[in-house]
């Protein structure tokens, strides 16, 4: 529902999240060997990894304790605040050029 509204209100911004991009070599292993993935799909893979490996701090769920695999994605950091995740993942994806938005 929220995604539908977002597509209707700002289709170009949503396109940046769902368009396939070439992943840097460092991220391909985390992405299961895939060479292309959308920003949104990659973020969901990071979140799934956090949940599957119980990497949230049990006393403060707003903190993610990174394992070695997650450190490759999160700039080598050992702990990350939840609100930082989207910003850090976004750093790995190129900005959409203005010429492409028109």
PDB file of N, CA and C in Angstrom:
ATOM      1  N   UNK A   1       0.819  -1.189   0.000  1.00  0.00           N
ATOM      2  CA  UNK A   1       0.000   0.000   0.000  1.00  0.00           C
ATOM      3  C   UNK A   1       0.868   1.260   0.000  1.00  0.00           C
ATOM      4  N   UNK A   2       1.847   1.303   0.900  1.00  0.00           N
ATOM      5  CA  UNK A   2       2.725   2.455   0.975  1.00  0.00           C
ATOM      6  C   UNK A   2       3.540   2.584  -0.308  1.00  0.00           C
ATOM      7  N   UNK A   3       4.017   1.446  -0.827  1.00  0.00           N
ATOM      8  CA  UNK A   3       4.809   1.470  -2.054  1.00  0.00           C
ATOM      9  C   UNK A   3       3.967   1.959  -3.230  1.00  0.00           C
ATOM     10  N   UNK A   4       2.720   1.555  -3.292  1.00  0.00           N
ATOM     11  CA  UNK A   4       1.846   2.028  -4.379  1.00  0.00           C
ATOM     12  C   UNK A   4       1.692   3.535  -4.332  1.00  0.00           C
ATOM     13  N   UNK A   5       1.484   4.074  -3.120  1.00  0.00           N
ATOM     14  CA  UNK A   5       1.332   5.520  -2.981  1.00  0.00           C
ATOM     15  C   UNK A   5       2.630   6.213  -3.375  1.00  0.00           C
ATOM     16  N   UNK A   6       3.763   5.651  -2.970  1.00  0.00           N
ATOM     17  CA  UNK A   6       5.060   6.232  -3.308  1.00  0.00           C
ATOM     18  C   UNK A   6       5.277   6.241  -4.814  1.00  0.00           C
ATOM     19  N   UNK A   7       4.889   5.166  -5.492  1.00  0.00           N
ATOM     20  CA  UNK A   7       5.027   5.092  -6.953  1.00  0.00           C
ATOM     21  C   UNK A   7       4.161   6.157  -7.612  1.00  0.00           C
ATOM     22  N   UNK A   8       2.955   6.341  -7.114  1.00  0.00           N
ATOM     23  CA  UNK A   8       2.051   7.331  -7.684  1.00  0.00           C
ATOM     24  C   UNK A   8       2.563   8.754  -7.462  1.00  0.00           C
ATOM     25  N   UNK A   9       3.124   9.008  -6.282  1.00  0.00           N
ATOM     26  CA  UNK A   9       3.565  10.360  -5.947  1.00  0.00           C
ATOM     27  C   UNK A   9       4.945  10.697  -6.516  1.00  0.00           C
ATOM     28  N   UNK A  10       5.829   9.737  -6.585  1.00  0.00           N
ATOM     29  CA  UNK A  10       7.197  10.006  -7.020  1.00  0.00           C
ATOM     30  C   UNK A  10       7.809   8.783  -7.700  1.00  0.00           C
ATOM     31  N   UNK A  11       7.364   8.470  -8.905  1.00  0.00           N
ATOM     32  CA  UNK A  11       7.834   7.256  -9.569  1.00  0.00           C
ATOM     33  C   UNK A  11       9.346   7.226  -9.821  1.00  0.00           C
ATOM     34  N   UNK A  12       9.979   8.377 -10.019  1.00  0.00           N
ATOM     35  CA  UNK A  12      11.418   8.398 -10.299  1.00  0.00           C
ATOM     36  C   UNK A  12      12.230   8.003  -9.074  1.00  0.00           C
ATOM     37  N   UNK A  13      11.798   8.426  -7.898  1.00  0.00           N
ATOM     38  CA  UNK A  13      12.510   8.050  -6.677  1.00  0.00           C
ATOM     39  C   UNK A  13      12.387   6.554  -6.434  1.00  0.00           C
ATOM     40  N   UNK A  14      11.212   5.999  -6.656  1.00  0.00           N
ATOM     41  CA  UNK A  14      11.002   4.565  -6.455  1.00  0.00           C
ATOM     42  C   UNK A  14      11.818   3.775  -7.475  1.00  0.00           C
ATOM     43  N   UNK A  15      11.907   4.278  -8.693  1.00  0.00           N
ATOM     44  CA  UNK A  15      12.678   3.595  -9.726  1.00  0.00           C
ATOM     45  C   UNK A  15      14.134   3.441  -9.294  1.00  0.00           C
ATOM     46  N   UNK A  16      14.663   4.429  -8.597  1.00  0.00           N
ATOM     47  CA  UNK A  16      16.032   4.349  -8.106  1.00  0.00           C
ATOM     48  C   UNK A  16      16.223   3.234  -7.094  1.00  0.00           C
ATOM     49  N   UNK A  17      15.168   2.872  -6.389  1.00  0.00           N
ATOM     50  CA  UNK A  17      15.242   1.801  -5.403  1.00  0.00           C
ATOM     51  C   UNK A  17      15.106   0.420  -6.022  1.00  0.00           C
ATOM     52  N   UNK A  18      14.366   0.322  -7.124  1.00  0.00           N
ATOM     53  CA  UNK A  18      14.074  -0.993  -7.698  1.00  0.00           C
ATOM     54  C   UNK A  18      14.841  -1.306  -8.975  1.00  0.00           C
ATOM     55  N   UNK A  19      15.532  -0.328  -9.563  1.00  0.00           N
ATOM     56  CA  UNK A  19      16.339  -0.591 -10.756  1.00  0.00           C
ATOM     57  C   UNK A  19      17.528  -1.464 -10.396  1.00  0.00           C
ATOM     58  N   UNK A  20      17.849  -2.404 -11.267  1.00  0.00           N
ATOM     59  CA  UNK A  20      19.022  -3.252 -11.052  1.00  0.00           C
ATOM     60  C   UNK A  20      20.290  -2.455 -11.309  1.00  0.00           C
ATOM     61  N   UNK A  21      21.263  -2.639 -10.438  1.00  0.00           N
ATOM     62  CA  UNK A  21      22.570  -2.010 -10.632  1.00  0.00           C
ATOM     63  C   UNK A  21      23.642  -3.083 -10.463  1.00  0.00           C
ATOM     64  N   UNK A  22      24.797  -2.837 -11.045  1.00  0.00           N
ATOM     65  CA  UNK A  22      25.924  -3.754 -10.889  1.00  0.00           C
ATOM     66  C   UNK A  22      26.496  -3.595  -9.484  1.00  0.00           C
ATOM     67  N   UNK A  23      26.605  -4.695  -8.779  1.00  0.00           N
ATOM     68  CA  UNK A  23      27.142  -4.644  -7.423  1.00  0.00           C
ATOM     69  C   UNK A  23      28.661  -4.613  -7.448  1.00  0.00           C
ATOM     70  N   UNK A  24      29.254  -3.832  -6.551  1.00  0.00           N
ATOM     71  CA  UNK A  24      30.716  -3.879  -6.419  1.00  0.00           C
ATOM     72  C   UNK A  24      31.140  -5.286  -5.995  1.00  0.00           C
ATOM     73  N   UNK A  25      32.334  -5.672  -6.327  1.00  0.00           N
ATOM     74  CA  UNK A  25      32.838  -7.011  -6.022  1.00  0.00           C
ATOM     75  C   UNK A  25      32.698  -7.346  -4.543  1.00  0.00           C
ATOM     76  N   UNK A  26      32.959  -6.379  -3.681  1.00  0.00           N
ATOM     77  CA  UNK A  26      32.894  -6.616  -2.236  1.00  0.00           C
ATOM     78  C   UNK A  26      31.492  -7.025  -1.774  1.00  0.00           C
ATOM     79  N   UNK A  27      30.472  -6.592  -2.480  1.00  0.00           N
ATOM     80  CA  UNK A  27      29.099  -6.888  -2.065  1.00  0.00           C
ATOM     81  C   UNK A  27      28.534  -8.148  -2.706  1.00  0.00           C
ATOM     82  N   UNK A  28      29.164  -8.635  -3.733  1.00  0.00           N
ATOM     83  CA  UNK A  28      28.630  -9.798  -4.457  1.00  0.00           C
ATOM     84  C   UNK A  28      28.562 -11.042  -3.580  1.00  0.00           C
ATOM     85  N   UNK A  29      29.565 -11.242  -2.740  1.00  0.00           N
ATOM     86  CA  UNK A  29      29.559 -12.412  -1.860  1.00  0.00           C
ATOM     87  C   UNK A  29      28.380 -12.327  -0.898  1.00  0.00           C
ATOM     88  N   UNK A  30      28.134 -11.144  -0.360  1.00  0.00           N
ATOM     89  CA  UNK A  30      27.012 -10.965   0.556  1.00  0.00           C
ATOM     90  C   UNK A  30      25.687 -11.207  -0.162  1.00  0.00           C
ATOM     91  N   UNK A  31      25.644 -10.861  -1.437  1.00  0.00           N
ATOM     92  CA  UNK A  31      24.417 -10.994  -2.232  1.00  0.00           C
ATOM     93  C   UNK A  31      24.270 -12.377  -2.841  1.00  0.00           C
ATOM     94  N   UNK A  32      24.991 -13.342  -2.325  1.00  0.00           N
ATOM     95  CA  UNK A  32      24.868 -14.704  -2.838  1.00  0.00           C
ATOM     96  C   UNK A  32      25.474 -14.903  -4.210  1.00  0.00           C
ATOM     97  N   UNK A  33      26.478 -14.104  -4.550  1.00  0.00           N
ATOM     98  CA  UNK A  33      27.145 -14.235  -5.833  1.00  0.00           C
ATOM     99  C   UNK A  33      26.480 -13.491  -6.974  1.00  0.00           C
ATOM    100  N   UNK A  34      25.374 -12.842  -6.692  1.00  0.00           N
ATOM    101  CA  UNK A  34      24.685 -12.096  -7.761  1.00  0.00           C
ATOM    102  C   UNK A  34      25.483 -10.867  -8.138  1.00  0.00           C
ATOM    103  N   UNK A  35      25.531 -10.567  -9.420  1.00  0.00           N
ATOM    104  CA  UNK A  35      26.293  -9.401  -9.873  1.00  0.00           C
ATOM    105  C   UNK A  35      25.418  -8.161  -9.968  1.00  0.00           C
ATOM    106  N   UNK A  36      24.101  -8.357 -10.018  1.00  0.00           N
ATOM    107  CA  UNK A  36      23.178  -7.223 -10.075  1.00  0.00           C
ATOM    108  C   UNK A  36      22.081  -7.399  -9.042  1.00  0.00           C
ATOM    109  N   UNK A  37      21.667  -6.282  -8.473  1.00  0.00           N
ATOM    110  CA  UNK A  37      20.583  -6.314  -7.500  1.00  0.00           C
ATOM    111  C   UNK A  37      20.073  -4.886  -7.335  1.00  0.00           C
ATOM    112  N   UNK A  38      18.822  -4.753  -6.979  1.00  0.00           N
ATOM    113  CA  UNK A  38      18.286  -3.415  -6.725  1.00  0.00           C
ATOM    114  C   UNK A  38      18.681  -2.979  -5.325  1.00  0.00           C
ATOM    115  N   UNK A  39      18.666  -1.684  -5.118  1.00  0.00           N
ATOM    116  CA  UNK A  39      18.962  -1.108  -3.802  1.00  0.00           C
ATOM    117  C   UNK A  39      18.026  -1.700  -2.755  1.00  0.00           C
ATOM    118  N   UNK A  40      16.746  -1.754  -3.063  1.00  0.00           N
ATOM    119  CA  UNK A  40      15.753  -2.265  -2.126  1.00  0.00           C
ATOM    120  C   UNK A  40      15.980  -3.744  -1.824  1.00  0.00           C
ATOM    121  N   UNK A  41      16.234  -4.549  -2.838  1.00  0.00           N
ATOM    122  CA  UNK A  41      16.483  -5.980  -2.632  1.00  0.00           C
ATOM    123  C   UNK A  41      17.718  -6.212  -1.776  1.00  0.00           C
ATOM    124  N   UNK A  42      18.743  -5.413  -2.009  1.00  0.00           N
ATOM    125  CA  UNK A  42      19.962  -5.574  -1.232  1.00  0.00           C
ATOM    126  C   UNK A  42      19.719  -5.198   0.230  1.00  0.00           C
ATOM    127  N   UNK A  43      19.001  -4.105   0.453  1.00  0.00           N
ATOM    128  CA  UNK A  43      18.688  -3.707   1.825  1.00  0.00           C
ATOM    129  C   UNK A  43      17.884  -4.801   2.530  1.00  0.00           C
ATOM    130  N   UNK A  44      16.920  -5.376   1.837  1.00  0.00           N
ATOM    131  CA  UNK A  44      16.124  -6.454   2.434  1.00  0.00           C
ATOM    132  C   UNK A  44      16.995  -7.675   2.751  1.00  0.00           C
ATOM    133  N   UNK A  45      17.988  -7.944   1.921  1.00  0.00           N
ATOM    134  CA  UNK A  45      18.907  -9.056   2.181  1.00  0.00           C
ATOM    135  C   UNK A  45      19.726  -8.766   3.447  1.00  0.00           C
ATOM    136  N   UNK A  46      20.171  -7.524   3.616  1.00  0.00           N
ATOM    137  CA  UNK A  46      20.909  -7.139   4.822  1.00  0.00           C
ATOM    138  C   UNK A  46      20.020  -7.333   6.047  1.00  0.00           C
ATOM    139  N   UNK A  47      18.783  -6.852   5.968  1.00  0.00           N
ATOM    140  CA  UNK A  47      17.857  -6.969   7.098  1.00  0.00           C
ATOM    141  C   UNK A  47      17.567  -8.443   7.412  1.00  0.00           C
ATOM    142  N   UNK A  48      17.377  -9.259   6.393  1.00  0.00           N
ATOM    143  CA  UNK A  48      17.131 -10.693   6.595  1.00  0.00           C
ATOM    144  C   UNK A  48      18.328 -11.353   7.282  1.00  0.00           C
ATOM    145  N   UNK A  49      19.531 -10.956   6.894  1.00  0.00           N
ATOM    146  CA  UNK A  49      20.746 -11.502   7.505  1.00  0.00           C
ATOM    147  C   UNK A  49      20.790 -11.129   8.993  1.00  0.00           C
ATOM    148  N   UNK A  50      20.456  -9.903   9.301  1.00  0.00           N
ATOM    149  CA  UNK A  50      20.447  -9.437  10.699  1.00  0.00           C
ATOM    150  C   UNK A  50      19.461 -10.261  11.516  1.00  0.00           C
ATOM    151  N   UNK A  51      18.272 -10.451  10.990  1.00  0.00           N
ATOM    152  CA  UNK A  51      17.238 -11.196  11.720  1.00  0.00           C
ATOM    153  C   UNK A  51      17.587 -12.678  11.831  1.00  0.00           C
ATOM    154  N   UNK A  52      18.061 -13.277  10.748  1.00  0.00           N
ATOM    155  CA  UNK A  52      18.361 -14.712  10.734  1.00  0.00           C
ATOM    156  C   UNK A  52      19.500 -15.080  11.687  1.00  0.00           C
ATOM    157  N   UNK A  53      20.461 -14.173  11.832  1.00  0.00           N
ATOM    158  CA  UNK A  53      21.613 -14.448  12.688  1.00  0.00           C
ATOM    159  C   UNK A  53      21.509 -13.775  14.055  1.00  0.00           C
ATOM    160  N   UNK A  54      20.318 -13.222  14.338  1.00  0.00           N
ATOM    161  CA  UNK A  54      20.055 -12.588  15.644  1.00  0.00           C
ATOM    162  C   UNK A  54      21.156 -11.602  16.017  1.00  0.00           C
ATOM    163  N   UNK A  55      21.396 -10.649  15.123  1.00  0.00           N
ATOM    164  CA  UNK A  55      22.479  -9.696  15.318  1.00  0.00           C
ATOM    165  C   UNK A  55      22.049  -8.411  16.021  1.00  0.00           C
ATOM    166  N   UNK A  56      20.774  -8.313  16.383  1.00  0.00           N
ATOM    167  CA  UNK A  56      20.349  -7.152  17.152  1.00  0.00           C
ATOM    168  C   UNK A  56      20.766  -7.348  18.605  1.00  0.00           C
ATOM    169  N   UNK A  57      21.239  -6.284  19.224  1.00  0.00           N
ATOM    170  CA  UNK A  57      21.629  -6.330  20.627  1.00  0.00           C
ATOM    171  C   UNK A  57      20.395  -6.707  21.451  1.00  0.00           C
ATOM    172  N   UNK A  58      20.472  -7.758  22.279  1.00  0.00           N
ATOM    173  CA  UNK A  58      19.286  -8.185  23.036  1.00  0.00           C
ATOM    174  C   UNK A  58      18.798  -7.149  24.051  1.00  0.00           C
ATOM    175  N   UNK A  59      19.690  -6.292  24.521  1.00  0.00           N
ATOM    176  CA  UNK A  59      19.267  -5.278  25.493  1.00  0.00           C
ATOM    177  C   UNK A  59      18.811  -3.985  24.837  1.00  0.00           C
ATOM    178  N   UNK A  60      19.239  -3.750  23.599  1.00  0.00           N
ATOM    179  CA  UNK A  60      18.831  -2.550  22.866  1.00  0.00           C
ATOM    180  C   UNK A  60      18.656  -2.933  21.401  1.00  0.00           C
ATOM    181  N   UNK A  61      17.427  -3.174  20.994  1.00  0.00           N
ATOM    182  CA  UNK A  61      17.126  -3.651  19.634  1.00  0.00           C
ATOM    183  C   UNK A  61      17.458  -2.622  18.558  1.00  0.00           C
ATOM    184  N   UNK A  62      17.781  -1.397  18.961  1.00  0.00           N
ATOM    185  CA  UNK A  62      18.151  -0.365  17.990  1.00  0.00           C
ATOM    186  C   UNK A  62      19.611  -0.460  17.562  1.00  0.00           C
ATOM    187  N   UNK A  63      20.346  -1.408  18.129  1.00  0.00           N
ATOM    188  CA  UNK A  63      21.754  -1.586  17.791  1.00  0.00           C
ATOM    189  C   UNK A  63      21.946  -2.936  17.117  1.00  0.00           C
ATOM    190  N   UNK A  64      22.680  -2.931  16.012  1.00  0.00           N
ATOM    191  CA  UNK A  64      23.031  -4.157  15.302  1.00  0.00           C
ATOM    192  C   UNK A  64      24.496  -4.451  15.597  1.00  0.00           C
ATOM    193  N   UNK A  65      24.761  -5.654  16.051  1.00  0.00           N
ATOM    194  CA  UNK A  65      26.131  -6.102  16.293  1.00  0.00           C
ATOM    195  C   UNK A  65      26.563  -6.869  15.051  1.00  0.00           C
ATOM    196  N   UNK A  66      27.513  -6.339  14.326  1.00  0.00           N
ATOM    197  CA  UNK A  66      27.887  -6.888  13.017  1.00  0.00           C
ATOM    198  C   UNK A  66      28.777  -8.116  13.139  1.00  0.00           C
ATOM    199  N   UNK A  67      28.433  -9.159  12.371  1.00  0.00           N
ATOM    200  CA  UNK A  67      29.338 -10.287  12.229  1.00  0.00           C
ATOM    201  C   UNK A  67      30.303  -9.960  11.086  1.00  0.00           C
ATOM    202  N   UNK A  68      31.248 -10.848  10.826  1.00  0.00           N
ATOM    203  CA  UNK A  68      32.266 -10.569   9.804  1.00  0.00           C
ATOM    204  C   UNK A  68      31.650 -10.330   8.425  1.00  0.00           C
ATOM    205  N   UNK A  69      30.637 -11.098   8.088  1.00  0.00           N
ATOM    206  CA  UNK A  69      29.993 -10.949   6.777  1.00  0.00           C
ATOM    207  C   UNK A  69      29.311  -9.597   6.661  1.00  0.00           C
ATOM    208  N   UNK A  70      28.638  -9.170   7.707  1.00  0.00           N
ATOM    209  CA  UNK A  70      27.925  -7.892   7.689  1.00  0.00           C
ATOM    210  C   UNK A  70      28.894  -6.713   7.692  1.00  0.00           C
ATOM    211  N   UNK A  71      30.044  -6.888   8.303  1.00  0.00           N
ATOM    212  CA  UNK A  71      31.047  -5.813   8.324  1.00  0.00           C
ATOM    213  C   UNK A  71      31.486  -5.431   6.916  1.00  0.00           C
ATOM    214  N   UNK A  72      31.477  -6.386   5.975  1.00  0.00           N
ATOM    215  CA  UNK A  72      31.878  -6.065   4.603  1.00  0.00           C
ATOM    216  C   UNK A  72      30.925  -5.071   3.971  1.00  0.00           C
ATOM    217  N   UNK A  73      29.682  -5.093   4.394  1.00  0.00           N
ATOM    218  CA  UNK A  73      28.664  -4.190   3.849  1.00  0.00           C
ATOM    219  C   UNK A  73      28.616  -2.887   4.633  1.00  0.00           C
ATOM    220  N   UNK A  74      28.809  -2.970   5.936  1.00  0.00           N
ATOM    221  CA  UNK A  74      28.621  -1.811   6.811  1.00  0.00           C
ATOM    222  C   UNK A  74      29.939  -1.131   7.173  1.00  0.00           C
ATOM    223  N   UNK A  75      30.811  -1.008   6.192  1.00  0.00           N
ATOM    224  CA  UNK A  75      32.037  -0.229   6.279  1.00  0.00           C
ATOM    225  C   UNK A  75      32.978  -0.670   7.397  1.00  0.00           C
ATOM    226  N   UNK A  76      32.960  -1.958   7.714  1.00  0.00           N
ATOM    227  CA  UNK A  76      33.868  -2.499   8.711  1.00  0.00           C
ATOM    228  C   UNK A  76      33.499  -2.187  10.152  1.00  0.00           C
ATOM    229  N   UNK A  77      32.336  -1.622  10.363  1.00  0.00           N
ATOM    230  CA  UNK A  77      31.937  -1.239  11.718  1.00  0.00           C
ATOM    231  C   UNK A  77      31.466  -2.458  12.509  1.00  0.00           C
ATOM    232  N   UNK A  78      31.749  -2.469  13.807  1.00  0.00           N
ATOM    233  CA  UNK A  78      31.345  -3.597  14.645  1.00  0.00           C
ATOM    234  C   UNK A  78      29.931  -3.437  15.192  1.00  0.00           C
ATOM    235  N   UNK A  79      29.473  -2.188  15.337  1.00  0.00           N
ATOM    236  CA  UNK A  79      28.106  -1.908  15.780  1.00  0.00           C
ATOM    237  C   UNK A  79      27.536  -0.775  14.945  1.00  0.00           C
ATOM    238  N   UNK A  80      26.240  -0.865  14.665  1.00  0.00           N
ATOM    239  CA  UNK A  80      25.564   0.146  13.859  1.00  0.00           C
ATOM    240  C   UNK A  80      24.186   0.383  14.467  1.00  0.00           C
ATOM    241  N   UNK A  81      23.769   1.630  14.509  1.00  0.00           N
ATOM    242  CA  UNK A  81      22.404   1.956  14.928  1.00  0.00           C
ATOM    243  C   UNK A  81      21.452   1.596  13.781  1.00  0.00           C
ATOM    244  N   UNK A  82      20.253   1.138  14.106  1.00  0.00           N
ATOM    245  CA  UNK A  82      19.288   0.755  13.061  1.00  0.00           C
ATOM    246  C   UNK A  82      19.022   1.891  12.080  1.00  0.00           C
ATOM    247  N   UNK A  83      18.904   3.109  12.599  1.00  0.00           N
ATOM    248  CA  UNK A  83      18.579   4.228  11.709  1.00  0.00           C
ATOM    249  C   UNK A  83      19.703   4.511  10.708  1.00  0.00           C
ATOM    250  N   UNK A  84      20.927   4.022  10.973  1.00  0.00           N
ATOM    251  CA  UNK A  84      22.061   4.224  10.068  1.00  0.00           C
ATOM    252  C   UNK A  84      22.069   3.240   8.899  1.00  0.00           C
ATOM    253  N   UNK A  85      21.385   2.113   9.051  1.00  0.00           N
ATOM    254  CA  UNK A  85      21.438   1.063   8.021  1.00  0.00           C
ATOM    255  C   UNK A  85      21.115   1.562   6.612  1.00  0.00           C
ATOM    256  N   UNK A  86      19.971   2.231   6.404  1.00  0.00           N
ATOM    257  CA  UNK A  86      19.667   2.667   5.035  1.00  0.00           C
ATOM    258  C   UNK A  86      20.728   3.606   4.461  1.00  0.00           C
ATOM    259  N   UNK A  87      21.261   4.490   5.303  1.00  0.00           N
ATOM    260  CA  UNK A  87      22.267   5.440   4.827  1.00  0.00           C
ATOM    261  C   UNK A  87      23.552   4.733   4.424  1.00  0.00           C
ATOM    262  N   UNK A  88      23.970   3.750   5.212  1.00  0.00           N
ATOM    263  CA  UNK A  88      25.212   3.032   4.903  1.00  0.00           C
ATOM    264  C   UNK A  88      25.049   2.172   3.655  1.00  0.00           C
ATOM    265  N   UNK A  89      23.925   1.480   3.541  1.00  0.00           N
ATOM    266  CA  UNK A  89      23.681   0.653   2.346  1.00  0.00           C
ATOM    267  C   UNK A  89      23.624   1.537   1.105  1.00  0.00           C
ATOM    268  N   UNK A  90      23.025   2.705   1.237  1.00  0.00           N
ATOM    269  CA  UNK A  90      22.892   3.629   0.108  1.00  0.00           C
ATOM    270  C   UNK A  90      24.256   4.054  -0.444  1.00  0.00           C
ATOM    271  N   UNK A  91      25.274   4.101   0.413  1.00  0.00           N
ATOM    272  CA  UNK A  91      26.608   4.496  -0.033  1.00  0.00           C
ATOM    273  C   UNK A  91      27.175   3.563  -1.101  1.00  0.00           C
ATOM    274  N   UNK A  92      26.704   2.324  -1.130  1.00  0.00           N
ATOM    275  CA  UNK A  92      27.211   1.343  -2.088  1.00  0.00           C
ATOM    276  C   UNK A  92      26.533   1.444  -3.458  1.00  0.00           C
ATOM    277  N   UNK A  93      25.498   2.250  -3.555  1.00  0.00           N
ATOM    278  CA  UNK A  93      24.734   2.346  -4.797  1.00  0.00           C
ATOM    279  C   UNK A  93      24.925   3.714  -5.424  1.00  0.00           C
ATOM    280  N   UNK A  94      25.203   3.747  -6.719  1.00  0.00           N
ATOM    281  CA  UNK A  94      25.452   5.028  -7.387  1.00  0.00           C
ATOM    282  C   UNK A  94      24.192   5.882  -7.423  1.00  0.00           C
ATOM    283  N   UNK A  95      24.424   7.193  -7.397  1.00  0.00           N
ATOM    284  CA  UNK A  95      23.293   8.123  -7.504  1.00  0.00           C
ATOM    285  C   UNK A  95      22.748   8.071  -8.925  1.00  0.00           C
ATOM    286  N   UNK A  96      21.441   8.288  -9.036  1.00  0.00           N
ATOM    287  CA  UNK A  96      20.802   8.350 -10.346  1.00  0.00           C
ATOM    288  C   UNK A  96      21.135   9.702 -10.947  1.00  0.00           C
ATOM    289  N   UNK A  97      21.661   9.700 -12.165  1.00  0.00           N
ATOM    290  CA  UNK A  97      22.036  10.963 -12.793  1.00  0.00           C
ATOM    291  C   UNK A  97      20.798  11.779 -13.124  1.00  0.00           C
ATOM    292  N   UNK A  98      20.947  13.084 -13.107  1.00  0.00           N
ATOM    293  CA  UNK A  98      19.821  13.973 -13.378  1.00  0.00           C
ATOM    294  C   UNK A  98      19.289  13.795 -14.791  1.00  0.00           C
ATOM    295  N   UNK A  99      20.155  13.474 -15.737  1.00  0.00           N
ATOM    296  CA  UNK A  99      19.699  13.268 -17.115  1.00  0.00           C
ATOM    297  C   UNK A  99      18.775  12.069 -17.208  1.00  0.00           C
ATOM    298  N   UNK A 100      18.985  11.092 -16.330  1.00  0.00           N
ATOM    299  CA  UNK A 100      18.157   9.886 -16.336  1.00  0.00           C
ATOM    300  C   UNK A 100      16.786  10.147 -15.728  1.00  0.00           C
ATOM    301  N   UNK A 101      16.685  11.163 -14.871  1.00  0.00           N
ATOM    302  CA  UNK A 101      15.423  11.449 -14.199  1.00  0.00           C
ATOM    303  C   UNK A 101      14.418  12.131 -15.101  1.00  0.00           C
ATOM    304  N   UNK A 102      14.873  12.764 -16.176  1.00  0.00           N
ATOM    305  CA  UNK A 102      13.927  13.500 -17.030  1.00  0.00           C
ATOM    306  C   UNK A 102      13.257  12.625 -18.034  1.00  0.00           C
TER     307      UNK A 102
END
